[in-house]
């Protein structure tokens, strides 16, 4: 073996890559560049994972992106004791993440419907936890008697909250930040429920 040469058994050895670091890098690249611009090569270059490791573990870009989305699934439990305050807090919490989540949703908007696994992961990571949290807030509010169970506006609360999160950047070029979302809840959601 020549001086400075590695033994053959070490040449192909790969450093283990940190999965969470990898997932964070994938999601950040999606937010910054969009889905089409993200490549396995680019991800490998920006992390300590080799391209062969990525392809061996995930096979395709949609599988890797789906895994990254699932790794960031979060749950939220808001319980202030009143439906009015719970909805304000839910708006504030959604507003704190709106810029990051909105860019991620926009990056995946056209790709997800073309790949069932990617679409499922997007729903599991960003949509379903938020809807579940809102439904739990509503359920507790109904149980406490804050609003009648048959109030016709209850079923539209998730659509209202998600709608404003997605559309404000399109209409006004700004994210739906916490202040904006709380004002929206106070001006539109609470009055629709007959709450102040």
Protein backbone atom coordinates (compact mmCIF):
# COMPACT_ATOMS: atom_id res chain seq x y z
CA UNK A 1 0.00 0.00 0.00
CA UNK A 2 1.37 3.40 -0.99
CA UNK A 3 2.04 6.01 1.64
CA UNK A 4 -1.06 8.14 2.39
CA UNK A 5 -3.42 5.57 0.89
CA UNK A 6 -6.28 4.22 2.98
CA UNK A 7 -6.69 0.48 3.38
CA UNK A 8 -9.24 -0.90 0.88
CA UNK A 9 -11.70 -1.87 3.64
CA UNK A 10 -11.95 1.79 4.71
CA UNK A 11 -12.39 3.38 1.30
CA UNK A 12 -16.10 2.60 0.97
CA UNK A 13 -16.90 3.04 4.65
CA UNK A 14 -19.48 5.76 5.22
CA UNK A 15 -19.89 8.00 8.19
CA UNK A 16 -23.20 7.43 9.92
CA UNK A 17 -25.53 10.33 9.29
CA UNK A 18 -27.71 11.97 11.90
CA UNK A 19 -31.28 11.30 10.81
CA UNK A 20 -32.85 14.37 12.45
CA UNK A 21 -30.15 16.62 10.99
CA UNK A 22 -30.88 15.09 7.60
CA UNK A 23 -34.64 15.61 7.95
CA UNK A 24 -34.13 19.22 9.05
CA UNK A 25 -31.94 19.83 5.99
CA UNK A 26 -34.53 18.28 3.66
CA UNK A 27 -37.34 20.48 5.00
CA UNK A 28 -35.19 23.61 4.93
CA UNK A 29 -34.21 22.96 1.31
CA UNK A 30 -37.88 22.46 0.44
CA UNK A 31 -38.78 25.80 2.02
CA UNK A 32 -35.93 27.66 0.33
CA UNK A 33 -35.82 26.04 -3.12
CA UNK A 34 -39.13 24.25 -3.72
CA UNK A 35 -39.73 20.57 -4.29
CA UNK A 36 -38.47 20.37 -7.87
CA UNK A 37 -35.09 21.88 -6.98
CA UNK A 38 -34.40 19.48 -4.11
CA UNK A 39 -32.30 16.51 -5.21
CA UNK A 40 -30.81 13.53 -3.43
CA UNK A 41 -27.40 14.82 -4.56
CA UNK A 42 -28.06 18.24 -3.06
CA UNK A 43 -29.24 16.75 0.20
CA UNK A 44 -26.16 14.50 0.37
CA UNK A 45 -23.92 17.50 -0.30
CA UNK A 46 -25.49 19.60 2.47
CA UNK A 47 -25.44 16.83 5.09
CA UNK A 48 -23.02 14.17 6.22
CA UNK A 49 -25.01 11.48 4.44
CA UNK A 50 -23.71 9.92 1.28
CA UNK A 51 -25.91 9.64 -1.78
CA UNK A 52 -25.66 5.85 -1.62
CA UNK A 53 -26.93 5.89 2.00
CA UNK A 54 -29.88 8.04 1.00
CA UNK A 55 -30.84 5.81 -1.91
CA UNK A 56 -30.31 2.64 0.11
CA UNK A 57 -32.57 3.80 2.93
CA UNK A 58 -35.23 5.81 1.07
CA UNK A 59 -34.98 4.77 -2.60
CA UNK A 60 -36.67 7.93 -3.95
CA UNK A 61 -36.91 11.63 -3.18
CA UNK A 62 -40.66 11.40 -2.35
CA UNK A 63 -39.92 8.68 0.21
CA UNK A 64 -37.21 10.80 1.85
CA UNK A 65 -39.39 13.91 1.88
CA UNK A 66 -42.28 11.91 3.36
CA UNK A 67 -39.98 10.60 6.12
CA UNK A 68 -38.75 14.14 6.84
CA UNK A 69 -42.33 15.41 7.10
CA UNK A 70 -43.32 12.60 9.45
CA UNK A 71 -40.32 13.31 11.66
CA UNK A 72 -41.68 16.81 12.30
CA UNK A 73 -45.22 15.80 13.17
CA UNK A 74 -46.25 17.68 16.26
CA UNK A 75 -49.14 17.60 18.63
CA UNK A 76 -50.54 20.55 20.46
CA UNK A 77 -52.68 20.63 23.57
CA UNK A 78 -54.31 23.94 24.39
CA UNK A 79 -56.72 24.09 27.32
CA UNK A 80 -57.27 27.47 28.94
CA UNK A 81 -60.69 26.58 30.30
CA UNK A 82 -62.68 28.59 27.74
CA UNK A 83 -63.40 28.10 24.04
CA UNK A 84 -62.78 31.79 23.35
CA UNK A 85 -59.31 31.75 24.89
CA UNK A 86 -58.48 28.32 23.43
CA UNK A 87 -59.21 29.60 19.92
CA UNK A 88 -57.08 32.69 20.52
CA UNK A 89 -54.21 30.51 21.76
CA UNK A 90 -54.60 28.13 18.81
CA UNK A 91 -54.41 31.13 16.46
CA UNK A 92 -51.31 32.44 18.23
CA UNK A 93 -49.60 29.03 18.06
CA UNK A 94 -50.46 28.56 14.37
CA UNK A 95 -49.20 32.07 13.61
CA UNK A 96 -45.83 31.33 15.21
CA UNK A 97 -45.26 28.51 12.71
CA UNK A 98 -47.12 29.97 9.76
CA UNK A 99 -44.13 31.21 7.77
CA UNK A 100 -42.29 27.90 7.93
CA UNK A 101 -45.39 25.74 7.42
CA UNK A 102 -46.83 27.90 4.64
CA UNK A 103 -43.56 27.76 2.67
CA UNK A 104 -43.50 24.00 3.13
CA UNK A 105 -47.10 23.62 1.97
CA UNK A 106 -46.42 25.84 -1.04
CA UNK A 107 -43.28 23.85 -1.90
CA UNK A 108 -45.24 20.59 -1.88
CA UNK A 109 -48.58 21.80 -3.27
CA UNK A 110 -48.09 20.52 -6.81
CA UNK A 111 -45.93 17.47 -6.01
CA UNK A 112 -48.04 15.90 -3.25
CA UNK A 113 -51.14 15.12 -5.36
CA UNK A 114 -48.90 13.21 -7.80
CA UNK A 115 -47.47 10.93 -5.10
CA UNK A 116 -49.88 9.27 -2.64
CA UNK A 117 -47.21 8.60 0.00
CA UNK A 118 -46.01 12.21 -0.10
CA UNK A 119 -49.57 13.51 0.08
CA UNK A 120 -50.34 11.21 3.02
CA UNK A 121 -47.18 12.32 4.86
CA UNK A 122 -48.03 15.99 4.28
CA UNK A 123 -51.50 15.49 5.72
CA UNK A 124 -50.14 13.46 8.67
CA UNK A 125 -47.44 15.99 9.52
CA UNK A 126 -49.06 19.37 8.94
CA UNK A 127 -52.81 19.06 8.49
CA UNK A 128 -54.25 16.28 10.64
CA UNK A 129 -52.55 17.27 13.92
CA UNK A 130 -53.87 20.82 13.58
CA UNK A 131 -57.39 19.65 12.73
CA UNK A 132 -57.32 17.18 15.64
CA UNK A 133 -56.20 19.93 18.03
CA UNK A 134 -58.99 22.26 16.85
CA UNK A 135 -61.60 19.51 17.10
CA UNK A 136 -60.45 18.77 20.65
CA UNK A 137 -60.74 22.46 21.55
CA UNK A 138 -64.25 22.52 20.09
CA UNK A 139 -65.24 19.27 21.85
CA UNK A 140 -64.19 20.66 25.23
CA UNK A 141 -65.97 23.95 24.51
CA UNK A 142 -69.19 22.08 23.74
CA UNK A 143 -68.81 19.93 26.88
CA UNK A 144 -68.35 23.06 29.01
CA UNK A 145 -71.42 24.64 27.42
CA UNK A 146 -69.47 27.48 25.79
CA UNK A 147 -71.31 26.80 22.52
CA UNK A 148 -74.16 24.44 21.55
CA UNK A 149 -73.11 21.15 19.93
CA UNK A 150 -75.35 21.81 16.94
CA UNK A 151 -74.01 25.31 16.21
CA UNK A 152 -73.70 25.45 12.40
CA UNK A 153 -70.40 27.38 12.43
CA UNK A 154 -68.46 24.74 14.40
CA UNK A 155 -67.66 22.53 11.40
CA UNK A 156 -66.07 25.45 9.52
CA UNK A 157 -63.51 26.48 12.15
CA UNK A 158 -60.64 24.31 10.76
CA UNK A 159 -61.32 25.53 7.21
CA UNK A 160 -61.35 29.14 8.41
CA UNK A 161 -58.07 28.80 10.28
CA UNK A 162 -56.27 26.89 7.52
CA UNK A 163 -57.75 29.08 4.83
CA UNK A 164 -56.41 32.30 6.28
CA UNK A 165 -53.00 30.72 6.92
CA UNK A 166 -52.70 29.72 3.25
CA UNK A 167 -54.32 32.72 1.56
CA UNK A 168 -52.81 35.73 3.34
CA UNK A 169 -49.39 35.24 1.71
CA UNK A 170 -51.12 35.10 -1.69
CA UNK A 171 -53.40 38.09 -1.14
CA UNK A 172 -51.13 40.37 0.88
CA UNK A 173 -47.63 38.97 0.45
CA UNK A 174 -47.28 38.46 4.21
CA UNK A 175 -47.49 35.45 6.50
CA UNK A 176 -50.47 35.10 8.81
CA UNK A 177 -48.46 35.91 11.94
CA UNK A 178 -49.78 35.46 15.51
CA UNK A 179 -51.17 39.00 15.77
CA UNK A 180 -53.01 38.71 12.44
CA UNK A 181 -54.48 35.30 13.29
CA UNK A 182 -55.66 36.40 16.73
CA UNK A 183 -57.34 39.45 15.16
CA UNK A 184 -58.92 37.15 12.57
CA UNK A 185 -60.29 34.86 15.28
CA UNK A 186 -61.66 37.83 17.23
CA UNK A 187 -63.22 39.47 14.16
CA UNK A 188 -64.52 36.43 12.25
CA UNK A 189 -64.46 33.14 14.16
CA UNK A 190 -65.73 34.18 17.59
CA UNK A 191 -68.62 36.30 16.25
CA UNK A 192 -69.66 33.40 13.98
CA UNK A 193 -69.90 31.25 17.13
CA UNK A 194 -71.74 33.96 19.07
CA UNK A 195 -68.73 34.43 21.39
CA UNK A 196 -66.92 37.61 22.38
